[in-house]
Amino acid sequence: MTEDFRWRLFFGNKCPSCQKAKRPRTAFCKLCFLALPVGMRGKLWLHFRQGYEAAFDQCLEFLAVKFNRERYKYGATGSTEGIRGQN
């Protein structure tokens, strides 16, 4: 997943884990965020290029396992459905 794609997910309006609505400038919807362990949640406050990317990937993997979901619902094709400015 490229930095640009993560950036678009961050500003998008769909949760990359469950595809439900989320607020722009958040990594996940409230329910997915609260499903993360506290230590993982804290790492999502890191800045881009200062650890956010690794934290985001780790959280997405955790949620995929926890909820038995396909990893990266946006898929290897890089679909941008639900990402602001890409609809």
PDB file of N, CA and C in Angstrom:
ATOM      1  N   MET A   1       0.855  -1.162   0.000  1.00  0.00           N
ATOM      2  CA  MET A   1       0.000   0.000   0.000  1.00  0.00           C
ATOM      3  C   MET A   1       0.904   1.229   0.000  1.00  0.00           C
ATOM      4  N   THR A   2       0.662   2.119  -0.920  1.00  0.00           N
ATOM      5  CA  THR A   2       1.514   3.303  -1.035  1.00  0.00           C
ATOM      6  C   THR A   2       1.118   4.369  -0.011  1.00  0.00           C
ATOM      7  N   GLU A   3       2.028   5.286   0.209  1.00  0.00           N
ATOM      8  CA  GLU A   3       1.746   6.384   1.134  1.00  0.00           C
ATOM      9  C   GLU A   3       0.577   7.223   0.617  1.00  0.00           C
ATOM     10  N   ASP A   4       0.539   7.442  -0.683  1.00  0.00           N
ATOM     11  CA  ASP A   4      -0.552   8.219  -1.269  1.00  0.00           C
ATOM     12  C   ASP A   4      -1.896   7.535  -1.039  1.00  0.00           C
ATOM     13  N   PHE A   5      -1.917   6.218  -1.188  1.00  0.00           N
ATOM     14  CA  PHE A   5      -3.170   5.484  -0.975  1.00  0.00           C
ATOM     15  C   PHE A   5      -3.594   5.559   0.487  1.00  0.00           C
ATOM     16  N   ARG A   6      -2.639   5.415   1.419  1.00  0.00           N
ATOM     17  CA  ARG A   6      -2.968   5.556   2.848  1.00  0.00           C
ATOM     18  C   ARG A   6      -3.510   6.951   3.130  1.00  0.00           C
ATOM     19  N   TRP A   7      -2.910   7.943   2.510  1.00  0.00           N
ATOM     20  CA  TRP A   7      -3.347   9.330   2.696  1.00  0.00           C
ATOM     21  C   TRP A   7      -4.795   9.486   2.243  1.00  0.00           C
ATOM     22  N   ARG A   8      -5.150   8.901   1.093  1.00  0.00           N
ATOM     23  CA  ARG A   8      -6.520   8.988   0.588  1.00  0.00           C
ATOM     24  C   ARG A   8      -7.488   8.223   1.493  1.00  0.00           C
ATOM     25  N   LEU A   9      -7.058   7.100   2.043  1.00  0.00           N
ATOM     26  CA  LEU A   9      -7.911   6.378   2.995  1.00  0.00           C
ATOM     27  C   LEU A   9      -8.153   7.226   4.240  1.00  0.00           C
ATOM     28  N   PHE A  10      -7.115   7.904   4.715  1.00  0.00           N
ATOM     29  CA  PHE A  10      -7.199   8.739   5.910  1.00  0.00           C
ATOM     30  C   PHE A  10      -8.213   9.868   5.706  1.00  0.00           C
ATOM     31  N   PHE A  11      -8.206  10.481   4.536  1.00  0.00           N
ATOM     32  CA  PHE A  11      -9.127  11.581   4.260  1.00  0.00           C
ATOM     33  C   PHE A  11     -10.457  11.111   3.695  1.00  0.00           C
ATOM     34  N   GLY A  12     -10.598   9.816   3.426  1.00  0.00           N
ATOM     35  CA  GLY A  12     -11.828   9.274   2.868  1.00  0.00           C
ATOM     36  C   GLY A  12     -12.948   9.204   3.891  1.00  0.00           C
ATOM     37  N   ASN A  13     -14.092   8.734   3.435  1.00  0.00           N
ATOM     38  CA  ASN A  13     -15.265   8.677   4.310  1.00  0.00           C
ATOM     39  C   ASN A  13     -15.751   7.248   4.541  1.00  0.00           C
ATOM     40  N   LYS A  14     -14.939   6.242   4.173  1.00  0.00           N
ATOM     41  CA  LYS A  14     -15.272   4.843   4.412  1.00  0.00           C
ATOM     42  C   LYS A  14     -14.165   4.180   5.209  1.00  0.00           C
ATOM     43  N   CYS A  15     -14.555   3.416   6.209  1.00  0.00           N
ATOM     44  CA  CYS A  15     -13.595   2.691   7.026  1.00  0.00           C
ATOM     45  C   CYS A  15     -12.907   1.621   6.170  1.00  0.00           C
ATOM     46  N   PRO A  16     -11.582   1.583   6.152  1.00  0.00           N
ATOM     47  CA  PRO A  16     -10.892   0.585   5.337  1.00  0.00           C
ATOM     48  C   PRO A  16     -11.036  -0.830   5.884  1.00  0.00           C
ATOM     49  N   SER A  17     -11.525  -0.984   7.091  1.00  0.00           N
ATOM     50  CA  SER A  17     -11.701  -2.305   7.685  1.00  0.00           C
ATOM     51  C   SER A  17     -13.090  -2.880   7.429  1.00  0.00           C
ATOM     52  N   CYS A  18     -14.134  -2.090   7.700  1.00  0.00           N
ATOM     53  CA  CYS A  18     -15.504  -2.619   7.610  1.00  0.00           C
ATOM     54  C   CYS A  18     -16.345  -1.986   6.512  1.00  0.00           C
ATOM     55  N   GLN A  19     -15.829  -0.960   5.857  1.00  0.00           N
ATOM     56  CA  GLN A  19     -16.514  -0.254   4.772  1.00  0.00           C
ATOM     57  C   GLN A  19     -17.681   0.618   5.229  1.00  0.00           C
ATOM     58  N   LYS A  20     -17.875   0.769   6.540  1.00  0.00           N
ATOM     59  CA  LYS A  20     -18.926   1.653   7.031  1.00  0.00           C
ATOM     60  C   LYS A  20     -18.413   3.093   7.025  1.00  0.00           C
ATOM     61  N   ALA A  21     -19.316   4.027   7.240  1.00  0.00           N
ATOM     62  CA  ALA A  21     -18.948   5.436   7.224  1.00  0.00           C
ATOM     63  C   ALA A  21     -17.980   5.766   8.361  1.00  0.00           C
ATOM     64  N   LYS A  22     -17.055   6.652   8.065  1.00  0.00           N
ATOM     65  CA  LYS A  22     -16.127   7.176   9.072  1.00  0.00           C
ATOM     66  C   LYS A  22     -15.921   8.654   8.800  1.00  0.00           C
ATOM     67  N   ARG A  23     -15.410   9.344   9.784  1.00  0.00           N
ATOM     68  CA  ARG A  23     -15.110  10.761   9.616  1.00  0.00           C
ATOM     69  C   ARG A  23     -13.788  10.917   8.872  1.00  0.00           C
ATOM     70  N   PRO A  24     -13.714  11.842   7.924  1.00  0.00           N
ATOM     71  CA  PRO A  24     -12.421  12.119   7.295  1.00  0.00           C
ATOM     72  C   PRO A  24     -11.402  12.521   8.361  1.00  0.00           C
ATOM     73  N   ARG A  25     -10.153  12.254   8.086  1.00  0.00           N
ATOM     74  CA  ARG A  25      -9.036  12.543   8.995  1.00  0.00           C
ATOM     75  C   ARG A  25      -9.003  11.593  10.192  1.00  0.00           C
ATOM     76  N   THR A  26      -9.638  10.445  10.060  1.00  0.00           N
ATOM     77  CA  THR A  26      -9.520   9.382  11.048  1.00  0.00           C
ATOM     78  C   THR A  26      -9.135   8.116  10.303  1.00  0.00           C
ATOM     79  N   ALA A  27      -8.444   7.212  10.986  1.00  0.00           N
ATOM     80  CA  ALA A  27      -7.997   5.983  10.330  1.00  0.00           C
ATOM     81  C   ALA A  27      -9.147   5.013  10.112  1.00  0.00           C
ATOM     82  N   PHE A  28     -10.028   4.880  11.115  1.00  0.00           N
ATOM     83  CA  PHE A  28     -11.098   3.889  11.079  1.00  0.00           C
ATOM     84  C   PHE A  28     -12.384   4.488  11.626  1.00  0.00           C
ATOM     85  N   CYS A  29     -13.494   3.769  11.442  1.00  0.00           N
ATOM     86  CA  CYS A  29     -14.748   4.193  12.064  1.00  0.00           C
ATOM     87  C   CYS A  29     -14.613   4.004  13.583  1.00  0.00           C
ATOM     88  N   LYS A  30     -15.546   4.551  14.309  1.00  0.00           N
ATOM     89  CA  LYS A  30     -15.469   4.504  15.774  1.00  0.00           C
ATOM     90  C   LYS A  30     -15.469   3.071  16.305  1.00  0.00           C
ATOM     91  N   LEU A  31     -16.329   2.208  15.751  1.00  0.00           N
ATOM     92  CA  LEU A  31     -16.404   0.832  16.250  1.00  0.00           C
ATOM     93  C   LEU A  31     -15.113   0.063  16.008  1.00  0.00           C
ATOM     94  N   CYS A  32     -14.535   0.197  14.822  1.00  0.00           N
ATOM     95  CA  CYS A  32     -13.269  -0.490  14.544  1.00  0.00           C
ATOM     96  C   CYS A  32     -12.149   0.085  15.408  1.00  0.00           C
ATOM     97  N   PHE A  33     -12.131   1.409  15.563  1.00  0.00           N
ATOM     98  CA  PHE A  33     -11.107   2.038  16.396  1.00  0.00           C
ATOM     99  C   PHE A  33     -11.182   1.518  17.828  1.00  0.00           C
ATOM    100  N   LEU A  34     -12.394   1.433  18.369  1.00  0.00           N
ATOM    101  CA  LEU A  34     -12.558   0.967  19.747  1.00  0.00           C
ATOM    102  C   LEU A  34     -12.280  -0.526  19.896  1.00  0.00           C
ATOM    103  N   ALA A  35     -12.309  -1.270  18.809  1.00  0.00           N
ATOM    104  CA  ALA A  35     -11.994  -2.704  18.856  1.00  0.00           C
ATOM    105  C   ALA A  35     -10.492  -2.959  18.953  1.00  0.00           C
ATOM    106  N   LEU A  36      -9.698  -1.939  18.682  1.00  0.00           N
ATOM    107  CA  LEU A  36      -8.236  -2.071  18.759  1.00  0.00           C
ATOM    108  C   LEU A  36      -7.767  -2.014  20.206  1.00  0.00           C
ATOM    109  N   PRO A  37      -6.682  -2.724  20.523  1.00  0.00           N
ATOM    110  CA  PRO A  37      -6.097  -2.578  21.861  1.00  0.00           C
ATOM    111  C   PRO A  37      -5.613  -1.129  22.054  1.00  0.00           C
ATOM    112  N   VAL A  38      -5.636  -0.669  23.271  1.00  0.00           N
ATOM    113  CA  VAL A  38      -5.277   0.728  23.571  1.00  0.00           C
ATOM    114  C   VAL A  38      -3.898   1.094  23.017  1.00  0.00           C
ATOM    115  N   GLY A  39      -2.940   0.212  23.151  1.00  0.00           N
ATOM    116  CA  GLY A  39      -1.594   0.495  22.651  1.00  0.00           C
ATOM    117  C   GLY A  39      -1.556   0.722  21.150  1.00  0.00           C
ATOM    118  N   MET A  40      -2.372  -0.008  20.426  1.00  0.00           N
ATOM    119  CA  MET A  40      -2.432   0.168  18.969  1.00  0.00           C
ATOM    120  C   MET A  40      -3.123   1.477  18.615  1.00  0.00           C
ATOM    121  N   ARG A  41      -4.163   1.810  19.358  1.00  0.00           N
ATOM    122  CA  ARG A  41      -4.871   3.076  19.102  1.00  0.00           C
ATOM    123  C   ARG A  41      -3.923   4.263  19.211  1.00  0.00           C
ATOM    124  N   GLY A  42      -3.098   4.243  20.239  1.00  0.00           N
ATOM    125  CA  GLY A  42      -2.177   5.351  20.467  1.00  0.00           C
ATOM    126  C   GLY A  42      -1.209   5.558  19.320  1.00  0.00           C
ATOM    127  N   LYS A  43      -0.800   4.474  18.675  1.00  0.00           N
ATOM    128  CA  LYS A  43       0.153   4.585  17.571  1.00  0.00           C
ATOM    129  C   LYS A  43      -0.464   5.244  16.343  1.00  0.00           C
ATOM    130  N   LEU A  44      -1.790   5.255  16.264  1.00  0.00           N
ATOM    131  CA  LEU A  44      -2.440   5.906  15.127  1.00  0.00           C
ATOM    132  C   LEU A  44      -2.342   7.429  15.198  1.00  0.00           C
ATOM    133  N   TRP A  45      -1.852   7.950  16.297  1.00  0.00           N
ATOM    134  CA  TRP A  45      -1.649   9.400  16.435  1.00  0.00           C
ATOM    135  C   TRP A  45      -0.288   9.828  15.925  1.00  0.00           C
ATOM    136  N   LEU A  46       0.536   8.865  15.525  1.00  0.00           N
ATOM    137  CA  LEU A  46       1.840   9.215  14.955  1.00  0.00           C
ATOM    138  C   LEU A  46       1.631   9.930  13.626  1.00  0.00           C
ATOM    139  N   HIS A  47       2.596  10.729  13.234  1.00  0.00           N
ATOM    140  CA  HIS A  47       2.519  11.460  11.972  1.00  0.00           C
ATOM    141  C   HIS A  47       2.917  10.563  10.803  1.00  0.00           C
ATOM    142  N   PHE A  48       2.446  10.930   9.616  1.00  0.00           N
ATOM    143  CA  PHE A  48       2.885  10.247   8.413  1.00  0.00           C
ATOM    144  C   PHE A  48       4.404  10.374   8.326  1.00  0.00           C
ATOM    145  N   ARG A  49       5.041   9.328   7.864  1.00  0.00           N
ATOM    146  CA  ARG A  49       6.506   9.223   7.737  1.00  0.00           C
ATOM    147  C   ARG A  49       7.222   9.183   9.084  1.00  0.00           C
ATOM    148  N   GLN A  50       6.464   9.098  10.168  1.00  0.00           N
ATOM    149  CA  GLN A  50       7.079   8.999  11.498  1.00  0.00           C
ATOM    150  C   GLN A  50       6.485   7.830  12.269  1.00  0.00           C
ATOM    151  N   GLY A  51       5.984   6.841  11.524  1.00  0.00           N
ATOM    152  CA  GLY A  51       5.471   5.649  12.165  1.00  0.00           C
ATOM    153  C   GLY A  51       4.004   5.342  11.913  1.00  0.00           C
ATOM    154  N   TYR A  52       3.273   6.304  11.369  1.00  0.00           N
ATOM    155  CA  TYR A  52       1.842   6.090  11.139  1.00  0.00           C
ATOM    156  C   TYR A  52       1.596   4.920  10.189  1.00  0.00           C
ATOM    157  N   GLU A  53       2.358   4.840   9.115  1.00  0.00           N
ATOM    158  CA  GLU A  53       2.129   3.827   8.095  1.00  0.00           C
ATOM    159  C   GLU A  53       2.196   2.420   8.675  1.00  0.00           C
ATOM    160  N   ALA A  54       3.242   2.134   9.445  1.00  0.00           N
ATOM    161  CA  ALA A  54       3.398   0.813  10.058  1.00  0.00           C
ATOM    162  C   ALA A  54       2.285   0.553  11.066  1.00  0.00           C
ATOM    163  N   ALA A  55       1.920   1.571  11.830  1.00  0.00           N
ATOM    164  CA  ALA A  55       0.847   1.426  12.818  1.00  0.00           C
ATOM    165  C   ALA A  55      -0.483   1.140  12.127  1.00  0.00           C
ATOM    166  N   PHE A  56      -0.765   1.859  11.056  1.00  0.00           N
ATOM    167  CA  PHE A  56      -2.011   1.664  10.311  1.00  0.00           C
ATOM    168  C   PHE A  56      -2.087   0.242   9.761  1.00  0.00           C
ATOM    169  N   ASP A  57      -1.009  -0.220   9.135  1.00  0.00           N
ATOM    170  CA  ASP A  57      -0.988  -1.578   8.571  1.00  0.00           C
ATOM    171  C   ASP A  57      -1.182  -2.625   9.662  1.00  0.00           C
ATOM    172  N   GLN A  58      -0.535  -2.414  10.807  1.00  0.00           N
ATOM    173  CA  GLN A  58      -0.660  -3.349  11.930  1.00  0.00           C
ATOM    174  C   GLN A  58      -2.110  -3.380  12.445  1.00  0.00           C
ATOM    175  N   CYS A  59      -2.735  -2.231  12.560  1.00  0.00           N
ATOM    176  CA  CYS A  59      -4.125  -2.151  13.026  1.00  0.00           C
ATOM    177  C   CYS A  59      -5.076  -2.808  12.030  1.00  0.00           C
ATOM    178  N   LEU A  60      -4.854  -2.576  10.756  1.00  0.00           N
ATOM    179  CA  LEU A  60      -5.709  -3.164   9.732  1.00  0.00           C
ATOM    180  C   LEU A  60      -5.602  -4.683   9.752  1.00  0.00           C
ATOM    181  N   GLU A  61      -4.403  -5.190   9.937  1.00  0.00           N
ATOM    182  CA  GLU A  61      -4.203  -6.638  10.032  1.00  0.00           C
ATOM    183  C   GLU A  61      -4.893  -7.196  11.282  1.00  0.00           C
ATOM    184  N   PHE A  62      -4.759  -6.492  12.409  1.00  0.00           N
ATOM    185  CA  PHE A  62      -5.401  -6.920  13.658  1.00  0.00           C
ATOM    186  C   PHE A  62      -6.915  -7.010  13.477  1.00  0.00           C
ATOM    187  N   LEU A  63      -7.509  -5.987  12.862  1.00  0.00           N
ATOM    188  CA  LEU A  63      -8.955  -5.973  12.667  1.00  0.00           C
ATOM    189  C   LEU A  63      -9.403  -7.075  11.701  1.00  0.00           C
ATOM    190  N   ALA A  64      -8.604  -7.348  10.683  1.00  0.00           N
ATOM    191  CA  ALA A  64      -8.937  -8.418   9.735  1.00  0.00           C
ATOM    192  C   ALA A  64      -8.989  -9.766  10.447  1.00  0.00           C
ATOM    193  N   VAL A  65      -8.042 -10.005  11.340  1.00  0.00           N
ATOM    194  CA  VAL A  65      -8.015 -11.269  12.085  1.00  0.00           C
ATOM    195  C   VAL A  65      -9.145 -11.293  13.110  1.00  0.00           C
ATOM    196  N   LYS A  66      -9.323 -10.201  13.841  1.00  0.00           N
ATOM    197  CA  LYS A  66     -10.344 -10.151  14.890  1.00  0.00           C
ATOM    198  C   LYS A  66     -11.744 -10.391  14.332  1.00  0.00           C
ATOM    199  N   PHE A  67     -12.037  -9.770  13.218  1.00  0.00           N
ATOM    200  CA  PHE A  67     -13.377  -9.873  12.647  1.00  0.00           C
ATOM    201  C   PHE A  67     -13.450 -10.849  11.478  1.00  0.00           C
ATOM    202  N   ASN A  68     -12.368 -11.609  11.266  1.00  0.00           N
ATOM    203  CA  ASN A  68     -12.306 -12.602  10.192  1.00  0.00           C
ATOM    204  C   ASN A  68     -12.660 -11.970   8.846  1.00  0.00           C
ATOM    205  N   ARG A  69     -12.041 -10.837   8.559  1.00  0.00           N
ATOM    206  CA  ARG A  69     -12.288 -10.118   7.309  1.00  0.00           C
ATOM    207  C   ARG A  69     -11.105 -10.285   6.374  1.00  0.00           C
ATOM    208  N   GLU A  70     -11.362 -10.045   5.132  1.00  0.00           N
ATOM    209  CA  GLU A  70     -10.305 -10.038   4.134  1.00  0.00           C
ATOM    210  C   GLU A  70      -9.371  -8.869   4.443  1.00  0.00           C
ATOM    211  N   ARG A  71      -8.092  -9.114   4.380  1.00  0.00           N
ATOM    212  CA  ARG A  71      -7.141  -8.037   4.656  1.00  0.00           C
ATOM    213  C   ARG A  71      -7.251  -6.991   3.560  1.00  0.00           C
ATOM    214  N   TYR A  72      -7.264  -5.732   3.953  1.00  0.00           N
ATOM    215  CA  TYR A  72      -7.369  -4.595   3.048  1.00  0.00           C
ATOM    216  C   TYR A  72      -8.606  -4.713   2.161  1.00  0.00           C
ATOM    217  N   LYS A  73      -9.717  -4.304   2.685  1.00  0.00           N
ATOM    218  CA  LYS A  73     -10.971  -4.380   1.956  1.00  0.00           C
ATOM    219  C   LYS A  73     -10.899  -3.615   0.636  1.00  0.00           C
ATOM    220  N   TYR A  74     -10.010  -2.641   0.519  1.00  0.00           N
ATOM    221  CA  TYR A  74      -9.886  -1.912  -0.733  1.00  0.00           C
ATOM    222  C   TYR A  74      -9.148  -2.748  -1.763  1.00  0.00           C
ATOM    223  N   GLY A  75      -8.510  -3.828  -1.312  1.00  0.00           N
ATOM    224  CA  GLY A  75      -7.950  -4.829  -2.215  1.00  0.00           C
ATOM    225  C   GLY A  75      -6.639  -4.457  -2.863  1.00  0.00           C
ATOM    226  N   ALA A  76      -6.035  -5.458  -3.413  1.00  0.00           N
ATOM    227  CA  ALA A  76      -4.749  -5.296  -4.081  1.00  0.00           C
ATOM    228  C   ALA A  76      -4.882  -4.448  -5.341  1.00  0.00           C
ATOM    229  N   THR A  77      -6.094  -4.333  -5.864  1.00  0.00           N
ATOM    230  CA  THR A  77      -6.292  -3.533  -7.073  1.00  0.00           C
ATOM    231  C   THR A  77      -6.245  -2.056  -6.759  1.00  0.00           C
ATOM    232  N   GLY A  78      -6.318  -1.696  -5.485  1.00  0.00           N
ATOM    233  CA  GLY A  78      -6.258  -0.294  -5.104  1.00  0.00           C
ATOM    234  C   GLY A  78      -7.544   0.450  -5.402  1.00  0.00           C
ATOM    235  N   SER A  79      -8.679  -0.221  -5.325  1.00  0.00           N
ATOM    236  CA  SER A  79      -9.958   0.434  -5.581  1.00  0.00           C
ATOM    237  C   SER A  79     -10.095   1.651  -4.677  1.00  0.00           C
ATOM    238  N   THR A  80     -10.568   2.719  -5.232  1.00  0.00           N
ATOM    239  CA  THR A  80     -10.714   3.959  -4.460  1.00  0.00           C
ATOM    240  C   THR A  80     -12.173   4.283  -4.177  1.00  0.00           C
ATOM    241  N   GLU A  81     -13.046   3.287  -4.289  1.00  0.00           N
ATOM    242  CA  GLU A  81     -14.465   3.514  -4.012  1.00  0.00           C
ATOM    243  C   GLU A  81     -14.630   4.029  -2.579  1.00  0.00           C
ATOM    244  N   GLY A  82     -15.354   5.106  -2.435  1.00  0.00           N
ATOM    245  CA  GLY A  82     -15.611   5.671  -1.123  1.00  0.00           C
ATOM    246  C   GLY A  82     -14.550   6.647  -0.648  1.00  0.00           C
ATOM    247  N   ILE A  83     -13.538   6.866  -1.464  1.00  0.00           N
ATOM    248  CA  ILE A  83     -12.490   7.808  -1.076  1.00  0.00           C
ATOM    249  C   ILE A  83     -12.833   9.166  -1.668  1.00  0.00           C
ATOM    250  N   ARG A  84     -12.799  10.181  -0.834  1.00  0.00           N
ATOM    251  CA  ARG A  84     -13.195  11.513  -1.259  1.00  0.00           C
ATOM    252  C   ARG A  84     -12.426  11.938  -2.513  1.00  0.00           C
ATOM    253  N   GLY A  85     -13.158  12.448  -3.466  1.00  0.00           N
ATOM    254  CA  GLY A  85     -12.556  12.913  -4.698  1.00  0.00           C
ATOM    255  C   GLY A  85     -12.296  11.799  -5.701  1.00  0.00           C
ATOM    256  N   GLN A  86     -12.619  10.565  -5.345  1.00  0.00           N
ATOM    257  CA  GLN A  86     -12.353   9.453  -6.241  1.00  0.00           C
ATOM    258  C   GLN A  86     -13.632   8.756  -6.661  1.00  0.00           C
ATOM    259  N   ASN A  87     -14.784   9.250  -6.264  1.00  0.00           N
ATOM    260  CA  ASN A  87     -16.060   8.581  -6.581  1.00  0.00           C
ATOM    261  C   ASN A  87     -16.532   8.950  -7.971  1.00  0.00           C
TER     262      ASN A  87
END
